[in-house]
């Protein structure tokens, strides 16, 4: 096997058709991402995580991602990874921070796990807005967020990435609880070492 193909669920197209293409306000961007996440849960097409890449100044939506780890048999298919990879594919460039592009923001339903944080550092995005905190993800849904550094925010800020956390956190927590209430699969439960 020498090729990898990952895809988002089929319902994404109809979801996006009913959404604005430009969402300037960060709170509205987060509401959009949480609605996307809730749809992924209700469709039973993946985990309780969603993300989107927006142009910072215009609010233009560049790409979306939802967690499709189980459906795609790929542990890297987190919402943030999918949104960033699809933005890079759409713009035909590996660096979303390249000088000829407008600055980009990643908006995500939960503060990134260890893997997604690493990808954010190399993606070229200039801002990250997140809703639920890692302790919410672990305590409510039981997912393992991995070895994130204790100075998480400083790690991003030192790389020129502004981070805004806990945006609509109670709504983000409610989406995680919905996943639990609907008996969603926890594919990598918090592991005891």
N, C-alpha and C. Protein backbone atom coordinates (compact mmCIF):
# COMPACT_ATOMS: atom_id res chain seq x y z
N UNK A 1 0.85 -1.18 0.00
CA UNK A 1 0.00 0.00 0.00
C UNK A 1 0.90 1.24 0.00
N UNK A 2 0.68 2.14 -0.93
CA UNK A 2 1.52 3.33 -1.01
C UNK A 2 0.74 4.62 -1.20
N UNK A 3 -0.56 4.58 -0.97
CA UNK A 3 -1.37 5.78 -1.09
C UNK A 3 -2.36 5.83 0.06
N UNK A 4 -2.62 7.04 0.52
CA UNK A 4 -3.55 7.24 1.62
C UNK A 4 -4.63 8.21 1.18
N UNK A 5 -5.87 7.83 1.37
CA UNK A 5 -7.01 8.70 1.05
C UNK A 5 -7.88 8.82 2.29
N UNK A 6 -8.08 10.04 2.73
CA UNK A 6 -8.97 10.31 3.86
C UNK A 6 -10.09 11.21 3.36
N UNK A 7 -11.28 11.01 3.90
CA UNK A 7 -12.40 11.86 3.47
C UNK A 7 -13.32 12.15 4.64
N UNK A 8 -14.03 13.26 4.51
CA UNK A 8 -15.05 13.63 5.48
C UNK A 8 -16.35 12.94 5.12
N UNK A 9 -17.29 12.86 6.05
CA UNK A 9 -18.58 12.21 5.77
C UNK A 9 -19.35 12.92 4.65
N UNK A 10 -20.21 12.19 3.99
CA UNK A 10 -20.99 12.72 2.86
C UNK A 10 -21.91 13.87 3.25
N UNK A 11 -22.39 13.90 4.48
CA UNK A 11 -23.32 14.95 4.90
C UNK A 11 -22.66 16.33 4.96
N UNK A 12 -21.35 16.41 4.95
CA UNK A 12 -20.64 17.70 5.05
C UNK A 12 -21.11 18.67 3.97
N UNK A 13 -21.26 18.20 2.73
CA UNK A 13 -21.65 19.10 1.64
C UNK A 13 -23.00 19.76 1.90
N UNK A 14 -24.00 18.99 2.30
CA UNK A 14 -25.31 19.58 2.55
C UNK A 14 -25.27 20.50 3.77
N UNK A 15 -24.48 20.16 4.76
CA UNK A 15 -24.33 21.03 5.93
C UNK A 15 -23.76 22.38 5.50
N UNK A 16 -22.69 22.35 4.70
CA UNK A 16 -22.03 23.59 4.28
C UNK A 16 -22.90 24.43 3.35
N UNK A 17 -23.76 23.80 2.56
CA UNK A 17 -24.64 24.55 1.65
C UNK A 17 -25.56 25.49 2.42
N UNK A 18 -25.90 25.14 3.64
CA UNK A 18 -26.83 25.94 4.44
C UNK A 18 -26.12 26.91 5.39
N UNK A 19 -24.81 27.02 5.27
CA UNK A 19 -24.04 27.88 6.16
C UNK A 19 -23.47 29.07 5.39
N UNK A 20 -23.22 30.17 6.09
CA UNK A 20 -22.57 31.31 5.42
C UNK A 20 -21.13 30.95 5.05
N UNK A 21 -20.65 31.55 4.00
CA UNK A 21 -19.26 31.32 3.55
C UNK A 21 -18.29 32.26 4.26
N UNK A 22 -18.83 33.32 4.83
CA UNK A 22 -18.03 34.29 5.58
C UNK A 22 -18.65 34.45 6.96
N UNK A 23 -17.84 34.21 7.99
CA UNK A 23 -18.29 34.33 9.38
C UNK A 23 -17.22 35.14 10.12
N UNK A 24 -17.37 36.45 10.19
CA UNK A 24 -16.30 37.29 10.73
C UNK A 24 -16.04 37.17 12.24
N UNK A 25 -17.07 36.99 13.05
CA UNK A 25 -16.92 37.03 14.50
C UNK A 25 -16.47 35.68 15.05
N UNK A 26 -15.43 35.68 15.90
CA UNK A 26 -14.94 34.42 16.48
C UNK A 26 -16.02 33.61 17.21
N UNK A 27 -16.92 34.26 17.94
CA UNK A 27 -17.97 33.52 18.65
C UNK A 27 -18.88 32.80 17.65
N UNK A 28 -19.19 33.45 16.54
CA UNK A 28 -20.02 32.81 15.52
C UNK A 28 -19.26 31.70 14.80
N UNK A 29 -17.96 31.88 14.62
CA UNK A 29 -17.14 30.81 14.04
C UNK A 29 -17.17 29.59 14.96
N UNK A 30 -17.07 29.83 16.28
CA UNK A 30 -17.11 28.71 17.21
C UNK A 30 -18.49 28.06 17.22
N UNK A 31 -19.55 28.84 17.16
CA UNK A 31 -20.91 28.26 17.09
C UNK A 31 -21.04 27.38 15.86
N UNK A 32 -20.48 27.83 14.74
CA UNK A 32 -20.47 27.04 13.51
C UNK A 32 -19.74 25.71 13.74
N UNK A 33 -18.56 25.77 14.35
CA UNK A 33 -17.77 24.55 14.59
C UNK A 33 -18.50 23.61 15.55
N UNK A 34 -19.14 24.15 16.57
CA UNK A 34 -19.86 23.29 17.50
C UNK A 34 -21.08 22.66 16.84
N UNK A 35 -21.74 23.38 15.92
CA UNK A 35 -22.85 22.79 15.16
C UNK A 35 -22.34 21.68 14.25
N UNK A 36 -21.20 21.89 13.64
CA UNK A 36 -20.57 20.88 12.80
C UNK A 36 -20.25 19.63 13.62
N UNK A 37 -19.71 19.85 14.81
CA UNK A 37 -19.37 18.75 15.72
C UNK A 37 -20.62 17.99 16.14
N UNK A 38 -21.66 18.73 16.50
CA UNK A 38 -22.90 18.08 16.91
C UNK A 38 -23.47 17.24 15.77
N UNK A 39 -23.40 17.74 14.57
CA UNK A 39 -23.90 16.97 13.42
C UNK A 39 -23.11 15.68 13.25
N UNK A 40 -21.79 15.74 13.44
CA UNK A 40 -20.95 14.54 13.34
C UNK A 40 -21.38 13.51 14.38
N UNK A 41 -21.73 13.98 15.57
CA UNK A 41 -22.19 13.09 16.63
C UNK A 41 -23.54 12.47 16.27
N UNK A 42 -24.48 13.31 15.86
CA UNK A 42 -25.83 12.81 15.56
C UNK A 42 -25.86 11.88 14.35
N UNK A 43 -24.97 12.12 13.41
CA UNK A 43 -24.87 11.25 12.22
C UNK A 43 -24.11 9.96 12.53
N UNK A 44 -23.49 9.92 13.71
CA UNK A 44 -22.68 8.77 14.12
C UNK A 44 -21.56 8.49 13.12
N UNK A 45 -20.97 9.59 12.62
CA UNK A 45 -19.91 9.45 11.61
C UNK A 45 -18.52 9.71 12.18
N UNK A 46 -18.43 9.91 13.50
CA UNK A 46 -17.11 10.11 14.09
C UNK A 46 -17.19 10.63 15.51
N UNK A 47 -16.01 10.94 16.03
CA UNK A 47 -15.89 11.41 17.40
C UNK A 47 -16.43 12.81 17.61
N UNK A 48 -16.48 13.26 18.87
CA UNK A 48 -17.12 14.54 19.21
C UNK A 48 -16.21 15.76 19.04
N UNK A 49 -15.61 15.86 17.87
CA UNK A 49 -14.68 16.95 17.62
C UNK A 49 -14.88 17.51 16.22
N UNK A 50 -14.83 18.84 16.12
CA UNK A 50 -14.93 19.53 14.84
C UNK A 50 -13.97 20.69 14.81
N UNK A 51 -13.62 21.13 13.61
CA UNK A 51 -12.69 22.24 13.46
C UNK A 51 -12.92 22.91 12.11
N UNK A 52 -12.44 24.14 12.00
CA UNK A 52 -12.53 24.86 10.73
C UNK A 52 -11.36 25.83 10.64
N UNK A 53 -10.95 26.10 9.41
CA UNK A 53 -9.92 27.11 9.14
C UNK A 53 -10.61 28.29 8.48
N UNK A 54 -10.35 29.48 9.03
CA UNK A 54 -10.90 30.72 8.51
C UNK A 54 -9.77 31.70 8.20
N UNK A 55 -10.00 32.58 7.23
CA UNK A 55 -9.12 33.73 7.07
C UNK A 55 -9.41 34.66 8.24
N UNK A 56 -8.39 35.15 8.90
CA UNK A 56 -8.60 35.97 10.10
C UNK A 56 -9.31 37.28 9.77
N UNK A 57 -8.82 38.02 8.80
CA UNK A 57 -9.38 39.35 8.54
C UNK A 57 -10.77 39.32 7.92
N UNK A 58 -10.98 38.43 6.96
CA UNK A 58 -12.26 38.42 6.24
C UNK A 58 -13.30 37.51 6.89
N UNK A 59 -12.86 36.50 7.65
CA UNK A 59 -13.79 35.52 8.19
C UNK A 59 -14.22 34.49 7.16
N UNK A 60 -13.56 34.48 5.99
CA UNK A 60 -13.91 33.51 4.94
C UNK A 60 -13.55 32.10 5.39
N UNK A 61 -14.51 31.19 5.26
CA UNK A 61 -14.29 29.79 5.58
C UNK A 61 -13.42 29.14 4.51
N UNK A 62 -12.33 28.52 4.93
CA UNK A 62 -11.41 27.85 3.99
C UNK A 62 -11.68 26.35 3.96
N UNK A 63 -11.81 25.74 5.14
CA UNK A 63 -12.03 24.29 5.20
C UNK A 63 -12.65 23.91 6.54
N UNK A 64 -13.18 22.71 6.58
CA UNK A 64 -13.71 22.15 7.83
C UNK A 64 -13.13 20.76 8.03
N UNK A 65 -13.23 20.30 9.26
CA UNK A 65 -12.84 18.93 9.57
C UNK A 65 -13.66 18.42 10.73
N UNK A 66 -13.93 17.14 10.71
CA UNK A 66 -14.54 16.46 11.85
C UNK A 66 -13.71 15.22 12.12
N UNK A 67 -13.83 14.70 13.32
CA UNK A 67 -13.10 13.50 13.68
C UNK A 67 -13.69 12.30 12.95
N UNK A 68 -12.85 11.61 12.18
CA UNK A 68 -13.27 10.42 11.43
C UNK A 68 -12.30 9.27 11.66
N UNK A 69 -11.70 9.22 12.84
CA UNK A 69 -10.69 8.20 13.16
C UNK A 69 -11.20 6.79 12.92
N UNK A 70 -12.32 6.44 13.52
CA UNK A 70 -12.83 5.07 13.44
C UNK A 70 -13.29 4.75 12.02
N UNK A 71 -14.04 5.65 11.41
CA UNK A 71 -14.57 5.41 10.06
C UNK A 71 -13.46 5.27 9.01
N UNK A 72 -12.37 6.01 9.20
CA UNK A 72 -11.28 5.99 8.23
C UNK A 72 -10.14 5.05 8.64
N UNK A 73 -10.27 4.40 9.81
CA UNK A 73 -9.22 3.51 10.30
C UNK A 73 -7.86 4.20 10.32
N UNK A 74 -7.85 5.41 10.89
CA UNK A 74 -6.64 6.22 10.90
C UNK A 74 -6.61 7.06 12.17
N UNK A 75 -5.67 6.77 13.06
CA UNK A 75 -5.59 7.49 14.32
C UNK A 75 -5.24 8.97 14.15
N UNK A 76 -4.74 9.35 12.98
CA UNK A 76 -4.40 10.76 12.72
C UNK A 76 -5.58 11.57 12.20
N UNK A 77 -6.72 10.95 11.97
CA UNK A 77 -7.86 11.64 11.34
C UNK A 77 -8.69 12.43 12.34
N UNK A 78 -8.00 13.24 13.15
CA UNK A 78 -8.67 14.14 14.09
C UNK A 78 -9.23 15.33 13.32
N UNK A 79 -10.20 16.01 13.91
CA UNK A 79 -10.87 17.14 13.25
C UNK A 79 -9.88 18.22 12.84
N UNK A 80 -8.97 18.59 13.75
CA UNK A 80 -8.00 19.63 13.44
C UNK A 80 -7.07 19.22 12.30
N UNK A 81 -6.63 17.98 12.34
CA UNK A 81 -5.74 17.47 11.29
C UNK A 81 -6.46 17.51 9.94
N UNK A 82 -7.71 17.08 9.92
CA UNK A 82 -8.47 17.07 8.67
C UNK A 82 -8.67 18.49 8.15
N UNK A 83 -9.06 19.41 9.03
CA UNK A 83 -9.29 20.80 8.60
C UNK A 83 -8.00 21.42 8.06
N UNK A 84 -6.89 21.20 8.75
CA UNK A 84 -5.62 21.79 8.29
C UNK A 84 -5.15 21.16 6.99
N UNK A 85 -5.23 19.84 6.89
CA UNK A 85 -4.80 19.18 5.65
C UNK A 85 -5.67 19.60 4.46
N UNK A 86 -6.96 19.71 4.69
CA UNK A 86 -7.86 20.11 3.60
C UNK A 86 -7.63 21.57 3.20
N UNK A 87 -7.31 22.44 4.15
CA UNK A 87 -6.98 23.83 3.82
C UNK A 87 -5.71 23.87 2.98
N UNK A 88 -4.71 23.11 3.37
CA UNK A 88 -3.45 23.07 2.62
C UNK A 88 -3.67 22.51 1.22
N UNK A 89 -4.49 21.50 1.13
CA UNK A 89 -4.81 20.91 -0.19
C UNK A 89 -5.55 21.93 -1.06
N UNK A 90 -6.55 22.61 -0.47
CA UNK A 90 -7.34 23.59 -1.21
C UNK A 90 -6.47 24.73 -1.73
N UNK A 91 -5.54 25.20 -0.89
CA UNK A 91 -4.68 26.32 -1.26
C UNK A 91 -3.41 25.86 -1.99
N UNK A 92 -3.27 24.55 -2.14
CA UNK A 92 -2.14 23.95 -2.86
C UNK A 92 -0.80 24.43 -2.29
N UNK A 93 -0.73 24.44 -0.96
CA UNK A 93 0.52 24.84 -0.31
C UNK A 93 0.56 24.25 1.10
N UNK A 94 1.73 23.78 1.51
CA UNK A 94 1.89 23.15 2.81
C UNK A 94 1.92 24.15 3.96
N UNK A 95 2.12 25.44 3.65
CA UNK A 95 2.28 26.46 4.69
C UNK A 95 1.17 27.50 4.60
N UNK A 96 0.20 27.41 5.50
CA UNK A 96 -0.91 28.36 5.52
C UNK A 96 -0.46 29.76 5.95
N UNK A 97 0.77 29.87 6.42
CA UNK A 97 1.31 31.16 6.83
C UNK A 97 2.23 31.78 5.80
N UNK A 98 2.26 31.22 4.60
CA UNK A 98 3.13 31.76 3.54
C UNK A 98 2.76 33.21 3.26
N UNK A 99 3.76 33.99 2.87
CA UNK A 99 3.59 35.45 2.70
C UNK A 99 2.49 35.83 1.73
N UNK A 100 2.21 35.01 0.73
CA UNK A 100 1.20 35.37 -0.27
C UNK A 100 -0.23 35.01 0.14
N UNK A 101 -0.40 34.47 1.34
CA UNK A 101 -1.73 34.13 1.85
C UNK A 101 -2.16 35.11 2.93
N UNK A 102 -3.48 35.31 3.08
CA UNK A 102 -3.95 36.03 4.26
C UNK A 102 -3.70 35.16 5.50
N UNK A 103 -3.64 35.77 6.66
CA UNK A 103 -3.44 35.01 7.90
C UNK A 103 -4.66 34.13 8.17
N UNK A 104 -4.39 32.93 8.72
CA UNK A 104 -5.45 31.95 8.98
C UNK A 104 -5.59 31.65 10.46
N UNK A 105 -6.82 31.30 10.84
CA UNK A 105 -7.18 30.92 12.21
C UNK A 105 -7.79 29.52 12.17
N UNK A 106 -7.37 28.68 13.13
CA UNK A 106 -8.01 27.39 13.34
C UNK A 106 -8.98 27.55 14.50
N UNK A 107 -10.22 27.16 14.30
CA UNK A 107 -11.24 27.18 15.35
C UNK A 107 -11.61 25.73 15.61
N UNK A 108 -11.53 25.32 16.87
CA UNK A 108 -11.71 23.91 17.19
C UNK A 108 -12.60 23.72 18.42
N UNK A 109 -13.37 22.65 18.40
CA UNK A 109 -14.33 22.39 19.47
C UNK A 109 -13.65 22.07 20.80
N UNK A 110 -12.40 21.66 20.75
CA UNK A 110 -11.65 21.37 21.97
C UNK A 110 -10.20 21.75 21.79
N UNK A 111 -9.57 22.15 22.86
CA UNK A 111 -8.15 22.47 22.81
C UNK A 111 -7.40 21.23 22.32
N UNK A 112 -6.46 21.42 21.43
CA UNK A 112 -5.84 20.32 20.71
C UNK A 112 -5.13 19.30 21.61
N UNK A 113 -5.17 18.04 21.17
CA UNK A 113 -4.40 16.99 21.80
C UNK A 113 -2.92 17.18 21.42
N UNK A 114 -2.08 16.31 21.91
CA UNK A 114 -0.63 16.42 21.65
C UNK A 114 -0.33 16.38 20.15
N UNK A 115 -0.95 15.49 19.40
CA UNK A 115 -0.69 15.36 17.96
C UNK A 115 -1.14 16.62 17.22
N UNK A 116 -2.34 17.07 17.49
CA UNK A 116 -2.88 18.23 16.77
C UNK A 116 -2.12 19.50 17.11
N UNK A 117 -1.66 19.61 18.36
CA UNK A 117 -0.86 20.76 18.74
C UNK A 117 0.42 20.80 17.90
N UNK A 118 1.06 19.66 17.73
CA UNK A 118 2.26 19.60 16.91
C UNK A 118 1.99 20.03 15.48
N UNK A 119 0.90 19.57 14.93
CA UNK A 119 0.55 19.93 13.55
C UNK A 119 0.26 21.42 13.43
N UNK A 120 -0.40 21.99 14.44
CA UNK A 120 -0.68 23.42 14.43
C UNK A 120 0.63 24.22 14.36
N UNK A 121 1.63 23.77 15.10
CA UNK A 121 2.92 24.48 15.11
C UNK A 121 3.54 24.56 13.72
N UNK A 122 3.30 23.56 12.90
CA UNK A 122 3.92 23.51 11.57
C UNK A 122 2.97 23.89 10.44
N UNK A 123 1.71 24.12 10.75
CA UNK A 123 0.71 24.37 9.71
C UNK A 123 0.79 25.77 9.11
N UNK A 124 1.25 26.73 9.88
CA UNK A 124 1.29 28.11 9.42
C UNK A 124 0.12 28.96 9.88
N UNK A 125 -0.82 28.39 10.64
CA UNK A 125 -1.91 29.23 11.15
C UNK A 125 -1.35 30.23 12.16
N UNK A 126 -1.99 31.38 12.24
CA UNK A 126 -1.53 32.45 13.13
C UNK A 126 -2.32 32.52 14.43
N UNK A 127 -3.51 31.90 14.44
CA UNK A 127 -4.35 31.92 15.64
C UNK A 127 -5.06 30.59 15.80
N UNK A 128 -5.33 30.24 17.05
CA UNK A 128 -6.15 29.09 17.39
C UNK A 128 -7.17 29.52 18.43
N UNK A 129 -8.43 29.24 18.16
CA UNK A 129 -9.51 29.48 19.12
C UNK A 129 -10.08 28.11 19.47
N UNK A 130 -10.19 27.81 20.77
CA UNK A 130 -10.71 26.51 21.19
C UNK A 130 -11.83 26.68 22.21
N UNK A 131 -12.65 25.65 22.35
CA UNK A 131 -13.79 25.69 23.26
C UNK A 131 -13.51 24.85 24.50
N UNK A 132 -13.79 23.55 24.46
CA UNK A 132 -13.58 22.68 25.61
C UNK A 132 -12.09 22.55 25.92
N UNK A 133 -11.78 22.35 27.17
CA UNK A 133 -10.41 22.17 27.63
C UNK A 133 -10.06 20.67 27.65
N UNK A 134 -8.77 20.33 27.63
CA UNK A 134 -8.39 18.91 27.67
C UNK A 134 -9.01 18.15 28.85
N UNK A 135 -9.09 18.80 30.02
CA UNK A 135 -9.69 18.11 31.16
C UNK A 135 -11.17 17.83 30.93
N UNK A 136 -11.85 18.65 30.12
CA UNK A 136 -13.24 18.38 29.76
C UNK A 136 -13.32 17.14 28.88
N UNK A 137 -12.45 17.08 27.90
CA UNK A 137 -12.44 15.95 26.96
C UNK A 137 -12.18 14.65 27.72
N UNK A 138 -11.22 14.69 28.64
CA UNK A 138 -10.87 13.48 29.38
C UNK A 138 -11.92 13.11 30.42
N UNK A 139 -12.43 14.11 31.17
CA UNK A 139 -13.37 13.78 32.25
C UNK A 139 -14.78 13.51 31.75
N UNK A 140 -15.22 14.20 30.71
CA UNK A 140 -16.58 13.99 30.21
C UNK A 140 -16.64 12.81 29.26
N UNK A 141 -15.78 12.81 28.24
CA UNK A 141 -15.87 11.79 27.20
C UNK A 141 -14.89 10.65 27.40
N UNK A 142 -13.82 10.85 28.17
CA UNK A 142 -12.89 9.77 28.45
C UNK A 142 -11.79 9.57 27.41
N UNK A 143 -11.62 10.52 26.49
CA UNK A 143 -10.55 10.41 25.49
C UNK A 143 -9.20 10.78 26.11
N UNK A 144 -8.14 10.16 25.63
CA UNK A 144 -6.78 10.45 26.07
C UNK A 144 -6.23 11.58 25.20
N UNK A 145 -5.88 12.71 25.81
CA UNK A 145 -5.38 13.87 25.07
C UNK A 145 -3.87 13.83 24.86
N UNK A 146 -3.20 12.84 25.43
CA UNK A 146 -1.77 12.69 25.21
C UNK A 146 -0.94 13.62 26.05
N UNK A 147 0.39 13.57 25.85
CA UNK A 147 1.31 14.33 26.69
C UNK A 147 1.48 15.78 26.25
N UNK A 148 0.47 16.58 26.48
CA UNK A 148 0.58 18.00 26.15
C UNK A 148 1.44 18.69 27.21
N UNK A 149 2.23 19.68 26.81
CA UNK A 149 3.12 20.33 27.77
C UNK A 149 2.35 21.20 28.76
N UNK A 150 2.89 21.34 29.99
CA UNK A 150 2.21 22.17 30.97
C UNK A 150 2.16 23.65 30.56
N UNK A 151 3.11 24.06 29.72
CA UNK A 151 3.13 25.45 29.24
C UNK A 151 2.58 25.53 27.81
N UNK A 152 1.53 24.78 27.59
CA UNK A 152 0.87 24.63 26.28
C UNK A 152 0.71 25.97 25.55
N UNK A 153 0.03 26.91 26.17
CA UNK A 153 -0.24 28.19 25.52
C UNK A 153 1.05 28.91 25.17
N UNK A 154 2.02 28.90 26.09
CA UNK A 154 3.30 29.56 25.83
C UNK A 154 4.04 28.91 24.67
N UNK A 155 3.91 27.61 24.52
CA UNK A 155 4.56 26.92 23.40
C UNK A 155 4.04 27.45 22.07
N UNK A 156 2.74 27.68 21.98
CA UNK A 156 2.18 28.22 20.75
C UNK A 156 2.55 29.69 20.59
N UNK A 157 2.38 30.46 21.65
CA UNK A 157 2.69 31.90 21.59
C UNK A 157 4.15 32.14 21.19
N UNK A 158 5.07 31.32 21.70
CA UNK A 158 6.49 31.49 21.37
C UNK A 158 6.77 31.21 19.90
N UNK A 159 5.85 30.53 19.24
CA UNK A 159 5.98 30.25 17.81
C UNK A 159 5.15 31.22 16.97
N UNK A 160 4.67 32.27 17.59
CA UNK A 160 3.92 33.29 16.87
C UNK A 160 2.47 32.94 16.62
N UNK A 161 1.94 31.99 17.39
CA UNK A 161 0.55 31.55 17.23
C UNK A 161 -0.25 32.04 18.44
N UNK A 162 -1.18 32.94 18.19
CA UNK A 162 -2.05 33.44 19.27
C UNK A 162 -3.08 32.36 19.60
N UNK A 163 -3.29 32.12 20.89
CA UNK A 163 -4.29 31.13 21.29
C UNK A 163 -5.32 31.77 22.22
N UNK A 164 -6.57 31.51 21.92
CA UNK A 164 -7.70 31.96 22.75
C UNK A 164 -8.45 30.70 23.14
N UNK A 165 -8.49 30.43 24.44
CA UNK A 165 -9.12 29.20 24.93
C UNK A 165 -10.45 29.49 25.60
N UNK A 166 -11.21 28.43 25.80
CA UNK A 166 -12.47 28.45 26.54
C UNK A 166 -13.53 29.35 25.90
N UNK A 167 -13.48 29.51 24.58
CA UNK A 167 -14.52 30.27 23.87
C UNK A 167 -15.77 29.40 23.78
N UNK A 168 -16.85 29.83 24.37
CA UNK A 168 -18.09 29.05 24.45
C UNK A 168 -17.83 27.68 25.09
N UNK A 169 -17.04 27.68 26.16
CA UNK A 169 -16.64 26.42 26.80
C UNK A 169 -17.84 25.60 27.27
N UNK A 170 -18.83 26.23 27.87
CA UNK A 170 -19.98 25.45 28.36
C UNK A 170 -20.69 24.76 27.20
N UNK A 171 -20.78 25.42 26.05
CA UNK A 171 -21.38 24.80 24.86
C UNK A 171 -20.50 23.65 24.35
N UNK A 172 -19.19 23.83 24.41
CA UNK A 172 -18.27 22.76 24.01
C UNK A 172 -18.39 21.56 24.92
N UNK A 173 -18.54 21.81 26.21
CA UNK A 173 -18.73 20.72 27.17
C UNK A 173 -20.06 20.00 26.90
N UNK A 174 -21.08 20.76 26.54
CA UNK A 174 -22.39 20.15 26.26
C UNK A 174 -22.32 19.22 25.05
N UNK A 175 -21.54 19.58 24.06
CA UNK A 175 -21.39 18.73 22.87
C UNK A 175 -20.69 17.42 23.26
N UNK A 176 -19.68 17.51 24.12
CA UNK A 176 -19.02 16.29 24.61
C UNK A 176 -20.01 15.41 25.37
N UNK A 177 -20.84 16.03 26.19
CA UNK A 177 -21.83 15.27 26.96
C UNK A 177 -22.85 14.61 26.04
N UNK A 178 -23.22 15.29 24.96
CA UNK A 178 -24.14 14.70 23.99
C UNK A 178 -23.56 13.41 23.42
N UNK A 179 -22.27 13.42 23.13
CA UNK A 179 -21.61 12.22 22.60
C UNK A 179 -21.72 11.07 23.60
N UNK A 180 -21.50 11.36 24.87
CA UNK A 180 -21.61 10.35 25.91
C UNK A 180 -23.05 9.86 26.01
N UNK A 181 -24.01 10.80 26.00
CA UNK A 181 -25.42 10.44 26.13
C UNK A 181 -25.90 9.56 24.97
N UNK A 182 -25.30 9.76 23.77
CA UNK A 182 -25.69 8.98 22.61
C UNK A 182 -24.80 7.75 22.41
N UNK A 183 -24.04 7.42 23.46
CA UNK A 183 -23.21 6.20 23.48
C UNK A 183 -22.17 6.18 22.37
N UNK A 184 -21.50 7.30 22.15
CA UNK A 184 -20.44 7.36 21.16
C UNK A 184 -19.24 6.52 21.57
N UNK A 185 -18.52 6.01 20.60
CA UNK A 185 -17.35 5.17 20.84
C UNK A 185 -16.17 6.00 21.33
N UNK A 186 -15.58 5.57 22.43
CA UNK A 186 -14.34 6.17 22.90
C UNK A 186 -13.23 5.23 22.46
N UNK A 187 -12.56 5.57 21.38
CA UNK A 187 -11.61 4.66 20.74
C UNK A 187 -10.23 4.67 21.39
N UNK A 188 -9.89 5.67 22.16
CA UNK A 188 -8.61 5.64 22.89
C UNK A 188 -8.83 6.18 24.29
N UNK A 189 -9.45 5.39 25.13
CA UNK A 189 -9.76 5.88 26.47
C UNK A 189 -8.49 6.29 27.20
N UNK A 190 -8.66 7.20 28.16
CA UNK A 190 -7.54 7.63 28.97
C UNK A 190 -6.85 6.40 29.51
N UNK A 191 -5.58 6.30 29.19
CA UNK A 191 -4.83 5.10 29.57
C UNK A 191 -4.08 5.33 30.88
N UNK A 192 -4.01 4.31 31.68
CA UNK A 192 -3.21 4.33 32.90
C UNK A 192 -1.84 3.76 32.55
N UNK A 193 -0.80 4.50 32.95
CA UNK A 193 0.56 4.06 32.63
C UNK A 193 1.06 3.08 33.67
